[in-house]
Amino acid sequence: MRRPLLTGAVSAATLTLAVTAAGVIAGPLARGRASRDDQQYIAPPPSSHHSFYFTRGIYSSYSRGFRRGGGSWAVDWPKSDLQFNVVLRRLTGIDAYPLEHAVALDDPQLLRYPYLYILEVGGMALQPDEISNLRDYLLKGGFLLVDDFWGNGAWYTLEENLRLVLPEYSIEELPLEHDYFKSFYEGEEVLQVPNVNNARWGQTSECGGCYAGVYGIFDDKRRLMVVINWNTDLGDAWEWAEQPDYPLKYSTYAFEVGVNAIIYAMSH
């Protein structure tokens, strides 16, 4: 049975218990950013068997001078990913790798993981090896979820990069009737999810009156390869869901949308 979205399926108690489990918030990995100076971004070895890995993409960006370590890709990392993993396991029972998992877009190991998450793409500047490997990844069945970028300038940057990766495919607005919105929870609307600071002031937008939209790129068989969440910030809701002043409405929505994306990616 499909579960209705935004019906309190993720209660405040569930969120609080889930994201504080196993010391996720207070543990040594609970920091917002990382750099190559203090982390080795190595995918788990083949002997580490799990059904699912929440994989964050490491990409080159203008914002940090064409370097990947500590660049835009690492915003909210790893706390957001860790807390999402805990809730994902609690809500679905999926055997998800419980730790953070970042893989460079030009790493051949990327093809081992069918789900990929990137964010803050307004400064993204993909290099030839990243373009080639990401294209191979998507055309061989991989799924890309894009999050947390705002305004027309960031959109044009993403569009330019995706045109290099998939020049023969166009970006389409994704209708709510699409199976993507119904893969686990029943989606009936698209909410604009605010960052934690805006949420405290009752605001949602980071770019004036801009609205949230969900867009997709399909392959020749109409398989959904890319989902783009524009003018919204799912990752901040995952990261700060345990905070009493972060609205439950938005954290619930963000977790359920994130679960839908994974269930869809893993079943198509």
C-alpha atoms as a PDB file:
ATOM      1  CA  MET A   1       0.000   0.000   0.000  1.00  0.00           C
ATOM      2  CA  ARG A   2       1.309   3.442  -0.884  1.00  0.00           C
ATOM      3  CA  ARG A   3       1.707   5.754   2.043  1.00  0.00           C
ATOM      4  CA  PRO A   4       0.278   9.273   1.873  1.00  0.00           C
ATOM      5  CA  LEU A   5       2.892  12.023   1.914  1.00  0.00           C
ATOM      6  CA  LEU A   6       2.783  14.558   4.756  1.00  0.00           C
ATOM      7  CA  THR A   7       0.423  12.662   7.010  1.00  0.00           C
ATOM      8  CA  GLY A   8       2.702  12.478  10.040  1.00  0.00           C
ATOM      9  CA  ALA A   9       4.200   9.163   8.970  1.00  0.00           C
ATOM     10  CA  VAL A  10       7.505  10.526  10.259  1.00  0.00           C
ATOM     11  CA  SER A  11       6.591  11.726  13.731  1.00  0.00           C
ATOM     12  CA  ALA A  12       8.636  14.186  15.757  1.00  0.00           C
ATOM     13  CA  ALA A  13       9.548  11.345  18.132  1.00  0.00           C
ATOM     14  CA  THR A  14      10.663   9.126  15.241  1.00  0.00           C
ATOM     15  CA  LEU A  15      12.868  11.849  13.814  1.00  0.00           C
ATOM     16  CA  THR A  16      14.413  12.701  17.159  1.00  0.00           C
ATOM     17  CA  LEU A  17      15.130   9.084  18.031  1.00  0.00           C
ATOM     18  CA  ALA A  18      16.371   8.210  14.566  1.00  0.00           C
ATOM     19  CA  VAL A  19      18.804  11.053  14.010  1.00  0.00           C
ATOM     20  CA  THR A  20      20.277  10.777  17.498  1.00  0.00           C
ATOM     21  CA  ALA A  21      20.775   7.021  17.228  1.00  0.00           C
ATOM     22  CA  ALA A  22      24.323   5.683  17.394  1.00  0.00           C
ATOM     23  CA  GLY A  23      25.717   9.100  18.259  1.00  0.00           C
ATOM     24  CA  VAL A  24      25.154  10.499  14.772  1.00  0.00           C
ATOM     25  CA  ILE A  25      24.741  14.078  15.939  1.00  0.00           C
ATOM     26  CA  ALA A  26      27.294  14.153  18.734  1.00  0.00           C
ATOM     27  CA  GLY A  27      29.827  11.823  17.153  1.00  0.00           C
ATOM     28  CA  PRO A  28      33.164  12.784  15.602  1.00  0.00           C
ATOM     29  CA  LEU A  29      31.742  12.888  12.077  1.00  0.00           C
ATOM     30  CA  ALA A  30      29.066  15.478  12.923  1.00  0.00           C
ATOM     31  CA  ARG A  31      30.567  18.402  11.070  1.00  0.00           C
ATOM     32  CA  GLY A  32      29.211  20.323   8.130  1.00  0.00           C
ATOM     33  CA  ARG A  33      32.126  20.279   5.681  1.00  0.00           C
ATOM     34  CA  ALA A  34      35.260  18.317   4.900  1.00  0.00           C
ATOM     35  CA  SER A  35      38.404  18.622   2.837  1.00  0.00           C
ATOM     36  CA  ARG A  36      40.919  16.235   1.346  1.00  0.00           C
ATOM     37  CA  ASP A  37      43.324  17.326   4.077  1.00  0.00           C
ATOM     38  CA  ASP A  38      41.427  15.422   6.771  1.00  0.00           C
ATOM     39  CA  GLN A  39      39.395  12.769   4.914  1.00  0.00           C
ATOM     40  CA  GLN A  40      40.180  10.006   2.463  1.00  0.00           C
ATOM     41  CA  TYR A  41      37.247   9.690   0.067  1.00  0.00           C
ATOM     42  CA  ILE A  42      37.434   5.996  -0.632  1.00  0.00           C
ATOM     43  CA  ALA A  43      34.420   3.853  -1.462  1.00  0.00           C
ATOM     44  CA  PRO A  44      33.906   0.870   0.855  1.00  0.00           C
ATOM     45  CA  PRO A  45      35.869  -2.206  -0.251  1.00  0.00           C
ATOM     46  CA  PRO A  46      34.009  -4.978  -2.058  1.00  0.00           C
ATOM     47  CA  SER A  47      33.959  -7.033   1.148  1.00  0.00           C
ATOM     48  CA  SER A  48      31.650  -4.430   2.726  1.00  0.00           C
ATOM     49  CA  HIS A  49      28.289  -5.711   1.529  1.00  0.00           C
ATOM     50  CA  HIS A  50      25.159  -3.600   1.848  1.00  0.00           C
ATOM     51  CA  SER A  51      22.065  -3.389  -0.316  1.00  0.00           C
ATOM     52  CA  PHE A  52      22.306   0.387  -0.652  1.00  0.00           C
ATOM     53  CA  TYR A  53      24.900   3.153  -0.403  1.00  0.00           C
ATOM     54  CA  PHE A  54      23.832   6.782  -0.128  1.00  0.00           C
ATOM     55  CA  THR A  55      26.523   8.045  -2.491  1.00  0.00           C
ATOM     56  CA  ARG A  56      27.450  11.718  -2.611  1.00  0.00           C
ATOM     57  CA  GLY A  57      29.243  12.914  -5.737  1.00  0.00           C
ATOM     58  CA  ILE A  58      32.558  14.777  -5.454  1.00  0.00           C
ATOM     59  CA  TYR A  59      32.822  17.219  -8.360  1.00  0.00           C
ATOM     60  CA  SER A  60      35.072  20.048  -9.519  1.00  0.00           C
ATOM     61  CA  SER A  61      33.738  23.546  -8.931  1.00  0.00           C
ATOM     62  CA  TYR A  62      34.564  27.178  -9.602  1.00  0.00           C
ATOM     63  CA  SER A  63      33.662  28.096  -6.045  1.00  0.00           C
ATOM     64  CA  ARG A  64      36.837  26.592  -4.614  1.00  0.00           C
ATOM     65  CA  GLY A  65      39.162  27.129  -7.569  1.00  0.00           C
ATOM     66  CA  PHE A  66      38.627  23.932  -9.547  1.00  0.00           C
ATOM     67  CA  ARG A  67      39.336  21.692  -6.593  1.00  0.00           C
ATOM     68  CA  ARG A  68      37.144  18.991  -5.153  1.00  0.00           C
ATOM     69  CA  GLY A  69      38.311  18.681  -1.566  1.00  0.00           C
ATOM     70  CA  GLY A  70      36.181  20.939   0.626  1.00  0.00           C
ATOM     71  CA  GLY A  71      34.355  22.349  -2.397  1.00  0.00           C
ATOM     72  CA  SER A  72      30.657  22.967  -2.953  1.00  0.00           C
ATOM     73  CA  TRP A  73      29.978  19.233  -3.143  1.00  0.00           C
ATOM     74  CA  ALA A  74      30.679  18.962   0.615  1.00  0.00           C
ATOM     75  CA  VAL A  75      28.005  21.364   1.878  1.00  0.00           C
ATOM     76  CA  ASP A  76      26.121  19.761   4.812  1.00  0.00           C
ATOM     77  CA  TRP A  77      28.473  16.767   4.627  1.00  0.00           C
ATOM     78  CA  PRO A  78      28.624  14.346   6.329  1.00  0.00           C
ATOM     79  CA  LYS A  79      25.956  15.083   8.977  1.00  0.00           C
ATOM     80  CA  SER A  80      23.124  15.394   6.470  1.00  0.00           C
ATOM     81  CA  ASP A  81      23.978  12.071   4.833  1.00  0.00           C
ATOM     82  CA  LEU A  82      24.440  10.260   8.135  1.00  0.00           C
ATOM     83  CA  GLN A  83      21.120  11.429   9.539  1.00  0.00           C
ATOM     84  CA  PHE A  84      19.309  10.596   6.325  1.00  0.00           C
ATOM     85  CA  ASN A  85      20.785   7.092   6.407  1.00  0.00           C
ATOM     86  CA  VAL A  86      19.481   6.503   9.938  1.00  0.00           C
ATOM     87  CA  VAL A  87      15.965   7.595   9.004  1.00  0.00           C
ATOM     88  CA  LEU A  88      16.082   5.641   5.729  1.00  0.00           C
ATOM     89  CA  ARG A  89      16.898   2.449   7.603  1.00  0.00           C
ATOM     90  CA  ARG A  90      14.201   3.153  10.198  1.00  0.00           C
ATOM     91  CA  LEU A  91      11.442   3.926   7.678  1.00  0.00           C
ATOM     92  CA  THR A  92      12.132   1.301   5.025  1.00  0.00           C
ATOM     93  CA  GLY A  93      14.252  -1.463   6.509  1.00  0.00           C
ATOM     94  CA  ILE A  94      16.716  -1.064   3.628  1.00  0.00           C
ATOM     95  CA  ASP A  95      20.166  -2.446   4.399  1.00  0.00           C
ATOM     96  CA  ALA A  96      21.854   0.921   3.884  1.00  0.00           C
ATOM     97  CA  TYR A  97      25.543   1.478   4.540  1.00  0.00           C
ATOM     98  CA  PRO A  98      25.364   3.515   7.772  1.00  0.00           C
ATOM     99  CA  LEU A  99      28.336   5.839   7.221  1.00  0.00           C
ATOM    100  CA  GLU A 100      29.084   8.694   4.839  1.00  0.00           C
ATOM    101  CA  HIS A 101      30.020   7.641   1.299  1.00  0.00           C
ATOM    102  CA  ALA A 102      31.489  10.165  -1.137  1.00  0.00           C
ATOM    103  CA  VAL A 103      32.810   9.142  -4.566  1.00  0.00           C
ATOM    104  CA  ALA A 104      34.473  11.347  -7.183  1.00  0.00           C
ATOM    105  CA  LEU A 105      32.587  11.650 -10.450  1.00  0.00           C
ATOM    106  CA  ASP A 106      35.681  10.572 -12.401  1.00  0.00           C
ATOM    107  CA  ASP A 107      36.223   7.462 -10.251  1.00  0.00           C
ATOM    108  CA  PRO A 108      35.470   4.195 -12.150  1.00  0.00           C
ATOM    109  CA  GLN A 109      34.090   2.805  -8.855  1.00  0.00           C
ATOM    110  CA  LEU A 110      31.120   5.160  -9.254  1.00  0.00           C
ATOM    111  CA  LEU A 111      29.477   2.597 -11.542  1.00  0.00           C
ATOM    112  CA  ARG A 112      29.089   0.228  -8.580  1.00  0.00           C
ATOM    113  CA  TYR A 113      26.501   2.489  -6.927  1.00  0.00           C
ATOM    114  CA  PRO A 114      23.131   3.071  -8.679  1.00  0.00           C
ATOM    115  CA  TYR A 115      22.184   6.189  -6.682  1.00  0.00           C
ATOM    116  CA  LEU A 116      24.106   9.481  -6.692  1.00  0.00           C
ATOM    117  CA  TYR A 117      23.394  12.743  -4.842  1.00  0.00           C
ATOM    118  CA  ILE A 118      24.930  16.135  -5.636  1.00  0.00           C
ATOM    119  CA  LEU A 119      24.072  19.619  -4.417  1.00  0.00           C
ATOM    120  CA  GLU A 120      25.121  23.304  -4.538  1.00  0.00           C
ATOM    121  CA  VAL A 121      25.796  22.967  -8.253  1.00  0.00           C
ATOM    122  CA  GLY A 122      25.779  26.703  -9.003  1.00  0.00           C
ATOM    123  CA  GLY A 123      29.584  26.620  -9.021  1.00  0.00           C
ATOM    124  CA  MET A 124      30.002  23.209 -10.634  1.00  0.00           C
ATOM    125  CA  ALA A 125      32.606  23.003 -13.407  1.00  0.00           C
ATOM    126  CA  LEU A 126      32.842  19.420 -14.619  1.00  0.00           C
ATOM    127  CA  GLN A 127      36.133  18.380 -16.187  1.00  0.00           C
ATOM    128  CA  PRO A 128      36.468  15.987 -19.179  1.00  0.00           C
ATOM    129  CA  ASP A 129      37.024  12.829 -17.114  1.00  0.00           C
ATOM    130  CA  GLU A 130      34.056  13.680 -14.876  1.00  0.00           C
ATOM    131  CA  ILE A 131      31.840  14.322 -17.888  1.00  0.00           C
ATOM    132  CA  SER A 132      32.787  11.046 -19.534  1.00  0.00           C
ATOM    133  CA  ASN A 133      32.397   8.911 -16.415  1.00  0.00           C
ATOM    134  CA  LEU A 134      29.104  10.514 -15.345  1.00  0.00           C
ATOM    135  CA  ARG A 135      27.675  10.012 -18.831  1.00  0.00           C
ATOM    136  CA  ASP A 136      28.696   6.353 -18.748  1.00  0.00           C
ATOM    137  CA  TYR A 137      27.170   6.017 -15.271  1.00  0.00           C
ATOM    138  CA  LEU A 138      23.791   7.474 -16.260  1.00  0.00           C
ATOM    139  CA  LEU A 139      23.460   5.638 -19.568  1.00  0.00           C
ATOM    140  CA  LYS A 140      24.290   2.321 -17.898  1.00  0.00           C
ATOM    141  CA  GLY A 141      21.460   2.662 -15.389  1.00  0.00           C
ATOM    142  CA  GLY A 142      22.653   5.110 -12.743  1.00  0.00           C
ATOM    143  CA  PHE A 143      20.354   7.668 -11.124  1.00  0.00           C
ATOM    144  CA  LEU A 144      21.325  11.234 -10.188  1.00  0.00           C
ATOM    145  CA  LEU A 145      19.483  13.419  -7.643  1.00  0.00           C
ATOM    146  CA  VAL A 146      20.335  17.150  -7.683  1.00  0.00           C
ATOM    147  CA  ASP A 147      19.481  19.341  -4.677  1.00  0.00           C
ATOM    148  CA  ASP A 148      20.016  22.732  -3.012  1.00  0.00           C
ATOM    149  CA  PHE A 149      20.709  25.226  -5.764  1.00  0.00           C
ATOM    150  CA  TRP A 150      18.824  28.465  -6.158  1.00  0.00           C
ATOM    151  CA  GLY A 151      17.981  31.046  -8.816  1.00  0.00           C
ATOM    152  CA  ASN A 152      18.462  31.383 -12.555  1.00  0.00           C
ATOM    153  CA  GLY A 153      22.248  31.711 -12.480  1.00  0.00           C
ATOM    154  CA  ALA A 154      22.688  28.379 -10.710  1.00  0.00           C
ATOM    155  CA  TRP A 155      20.153  26.796 -13.068  1.00  0.00           C
ATOM    156  CA  TYR A 156      22.098  27.928 -16.145  1.00  0.00           C
ATOM    157  CA  THR A 157      25.311  26.493 -14.681  1.00  0.00           C
ATOM    158  CA  LEU A 158      23.675  23.128 -14.032  1.00  0.00           C
ATOM    159  CA  GLU A 159      22.072  23.127 -17.469  1.00  0.00           C
ATOM    160  CA  GLU A 160      25.409  23.858 -19.117  1.00  0.00           C
ATOM    161  CA  ASN A 161      27.128  21.020 -17.267  1.00  0.00           C
ATOM    162  CA  LEU A 162      24.341  18.527 -17.984  1.00  0.00           C
ATOM    163  CA  ARG A 163      24.424  19.494 -21.648  1.00  0.00           C
ATOM    164  CA  LEU A 164      28.061  18.387 -21.706  1.00  0.00           C
ATOM    165  CA  VAL A 165      27.150  15.071 -20.071  1.00  0.00           C
ATOM    166  CA  LEU A 166      23.898  14.308 -21.950  1.00  0.00           C
ATOM    167  CA  PRO A 167      23.782  16.593 -25.004  1.00  0.00           C
ATOM    168  CA  GLU A 168      21.074  14.569 -26.772  1.00  0.00           C
ATOM    169  CA  TYR A 169      18.552  14.717 -23.906  1.00  0.00           C
ATOM    170  CA  SER A 170      16.445  17.610 -22.644  1.00  0.00           C
ATOM    171  CA  ILE A 171      15.291  18.672 -19.187  1.00  0.00           C
ATOM    172  CA  GLU A 172      11.555  18.304 -18.572  1.00  0.00           C
ATOM    173  CA  GLU A 173       9.320  19.383 -15.726  1.00  0.00           C
ATOM    174  CA  LEU A 174       8.291  16.273 -13.798  1.00  0.00           C
ATOM    175  CA  PRO A 175       4.514  15.991 -13.306  1.00  0.00           C
ATOM    176  CA  LEU A 176       3.152  14.890  -9.945  1.00  0.00           C
ATOM    177  CA  GLU A 177       1.422  12.006 -11.715  1.00  0.00           C
ATOM    178  CA  HIS A 178       4.782  10.407 -12.478  1.00  0.00           C
ATOM    179  CA  ASP A 179       5.621   7.179 -10.621  1.00  0.00           C
ATOM    180  CA  TYR A 180       8.651   8.902  -9.095  1.00  0.00           C
ATOM    181  CA  PHE A 181       6.328  10.777  -6.726  1.00  0.00           C
ATOM    182  CA  LYS A 182       4.492   7.588  -5.738  1.00  0.00           C
ATOM    183  CA  SER A 183       7.247   5.029  -5.318  1.00  0.00           C
ATOM    184  CA  PHE A 184       6.871   4.759  -1.510  1.00  0.00           C
ATOM    185  CA  TYR A 185       4.953   7.793  -0.239  1.00  0.00           C
ATOM    186  CA  GLU A 186       2.111   9.417  -2.145  1.00  0.00           C
ATOM    187  CA  GLY A 187       3.280  12.856  -3.250  1.00  0.00           C
ATOM    188  CA  GLU A 188       0.568  15.459  -3.762  1.00  0.00           C
ATOM    189  CA  GLU A 189       2.568  18.705  -3.847  1.00  0.00           C
ATOM    190  CA  VAL A 190       6.044  20.143  -4.201  1.00  0.00           C
ATOM    191  CA  LEU A 191       7.150  22.108  -1.156  1.00  0.00           C
ATOM    192  CA  GLN A 192       9.971  24.617  -0.995  1.00  0.00           C
ATOM    193  CA  VAL A 193      12.177  23.321   1.827  1.00  0.00           C
ATOM    194  CA  PRO A 194      14.117  26.093   3.592  1.00  0.00           C
ATOM    195  CA  ASN A 195      17.594  26.078   5.045  1.00  0.00           C
ATOM    196  CA  VAL A 196      17.779  26.063   8.820  1.00  0.00           C
ATOM    197  CA  ASN A 197      18.312  29.814   9.215  1.00  0.00           C
ATOM    198  CA  ASN A 198      15.423  30.805   6.945  1.00  0.00           C
ATOM    199  CA  ALA A 199      13.168  28.268   8.635  1.00  0.00           C
ATOM    200  CA  ARG A 200      13.723  30.006  11.965  1.00  0.00           C
ATOM    201  CA  TRP A 201      12.426  33.240  10.454  1.00  0.00           C
ATOM    202  CA  GLY A 202       9.455  31.635   8.713  1.00  0.00           C
ATOM    203  CA  GLN A 203      10.954  32.035   5.239  1.00  0.00           C
ATOM    204  CA  THR A 204      11.494  29.381   2.595  1.00  0.00           C
ATOM    205  CA  SER A 205      13.102  31.058  -0.427  1.00  0.00           C
ATOM    206  CA  GLU A 206      16.759  31.969  -0.877  1.00  0.00           C
ATOM    207  CA  CYS A 207      16.133  33.890  -4.102  1.00  0.00           C
ATOM    208  CA  GLY A 208      13.288  36.313  -3.524  1.00  0.00           C
ATOM    209  CA  GLY A 209       9.976  34.992  -4.786  1.00  0.00           C
ATOM    210  CA  CYS A 210      11.363  32.002  -6.661  1.00  0.00           C
ATOM    211  CA  TYR A 211       9.322  28.811  -6.577  1.00  0.00           C
ATOM    212  CA  ALA A 212      10.388  25.198  -6.088  1.00  0.00           C
ATOM    213  CA  GLY A 213      10.291  22.878  -9.071  1.00  0.00           C
ATOM    214  CA  VAL A 214      11.144  19.267  -9.842  1.00  0.00           C
ATOM    215  CA  TYR A 215      12.581  18.399 -13.255  1.00  0.00           C
ATOM    216  CA  GLY A 216      13.890  15.274 -14.923  1.00  0.00           C
ATOM    217  CA  ILE A 217      15.954  13.866 -17.772  1.00  0.00           C
ATOM    218  CA  PHE A 218      14.771  10.653 -19.439  1.00  0.00           C
ATOM    219  CA  ASP A 219      16.672   8.227 -21.639  1.00  0.00           C
ATOM    220  CA  ASP A 220      15.391   6.838 -24.949  1.00  0.00           C
ATOM    221  CA  LYS A 221      13.222   4.303 -23.110  1.00  0.00           C
ATOM    222  CA  ARG A 222      11.779   6.992 -20.818  1.00  0.00           C
ATOM    223  CA  ARG A 223      13.769   5.784 -17.844  1.00  0.00           C
ATOM    224  CA  LEU A 224      14.272   8.668 -15.447  1.00  0.00           C
ATOM    225  CA  MET A 225      18.042   9.178 -15.190  1.00  0.00           C
ATOM    226  CA  VAL A 226      18.224  12.571 -13.450  1.00  0.00           C
ATOM    227  CA  VAL A 227      15.905  14.339 -11.001  1.00  0.00           C
ATOM    228  CA  ILE A 228      16.542  18.036 -10.317  1.00  0.00           C
ATOM    229  CA  ASN A 229      15.193  19.735  -7.200  1.00  0.00           C
ATOM    230  CA  TRP A 230      15.441  23.470  -7.912  1.00  0.00           C
ATOM    231  CA  ASN A 231      14.966  26.262  -5.361  1.00  0.00           C
ATOM    232  CA  THR A 232      14.687  23.911  -2.401  1.00  0.00           C
ATOM    233  CA  ASP A 233      17.042  22.418   0.196  1.00  0.00           C
ATOM    234  CA  LEU A 234      16.269  18.826   1.155  1.00  0.00           C
ATOM    235  CA  GLY A 235      19.745  18.341   2.581  1.00  0.00           C
ATOM    236  CA  ASP A 236      19.417  21.073   5.206  1.00  0.00           C
ATOM    237  CA  ALA A 237      16.171  19.507   6.439  1.00  0.00           C
ATOM    238  CA  TRP A 238      17.939  16.151   6.773  1.00  0.00           C
ATOM    239  CA  GLU A 239      20.826  17.800   8.592  1.00  0.00           C
ATOM    240  CA  TRP A 240      18.801  19.818  11.097  1.00  0.00           C
ATOM    241  CA  ALA A 241      15.702  17.660  11.593  1.00  0.00           C
ATOM    242  CA  GLU A 242      16.563  17.057  15.233  1.00  0.00           C
ATOM    243  CA  GLN A 243      16.486  20.787  16.034  1.00  0.00           C
ATOM    244  CA  PRO A 244      13.266  21.742  17.893  1.00  0.00           C
ATOM    245  CA  ASP A 245      12.948  24.962  15.896  1.00  0.00           C
ATOM    246  CA  TYR A 246      13.199  23.299  12.481  1.00  0.00           C
ATOM    247  CA  PRO A 247       9.586  22.842  11.253  1.00  0.00           C
ATOM    248  CA  LEU A 248       8.458  19.217  11.231  1.00  0.00           C
ATOM    249  CA  LYS A 249       6.419  19.908   8.087  1.00  0.00           C
ATOM    250  CA  TYR A 250       9.567  20.435   6.046  1.00  0.00           C
ATOM    251  CA  SER A 251      11.759  17.744   7.585  1.00  0.00           C
ATOM    252  CA  THR A 252       8.995  15.165   7.140  1.00  0.00           C
ATOM    253  CA  TYR A 253       8.536  16.176   3.522  1.00  0.00           C
ATOM    254  CA  ALA A 254      12.288  16.127   2.850  1.00  0.00           C
ATOM    255  CA  PHE A 255      12.781  12.644   4.310  1.00  0.00           C
ATOM    256  CA  GLU A 256       9.809  11.234   2.439  1.00  0.00           C
ATOM    257  CA  VAL A 257      10.897  12.779  -0.853  1.00  0.00           C
ATOM    258  CA  GLY A 258      14.388  11.397  -0.283  1.00  0.00           C
ATOM    259  CA  VAL A 259      12.993   7.932   0.366  1.00  0.00           C
ATOM    260  CA  ASN A 260      10.859   8.126  -2.783  1.00  0.00           C
ATOM    261  CA  ALA A 261      13.933   8.987  -4.853  1.00  0.00           C
ATOM    262  CA  ILE A 262      15.849   5.983  -3.535  1.00  0.00           C
ATOM    263  CA  ILE A 263      13.010   3.509  -3.914  1.00  0.00           C
ATOM    264  CA  TYR A 264      12.446   4.709  -7.466  1.00  0.00           C
ATOM    265  CA  ALA A 265      16.153   4.577  -8.331  1.00  0.00           C
ATOM    266  CA  MET A 266      16.560   1.074  -6.904  1.00  0.00           C
ATOM    267  CA  SER A 267      13.459  -0.319  -8.600  1.00  0.00           C
ATOM    268  CA  HIS A 268      13.902   1.135 -12.098  1.00  0.00           C
END
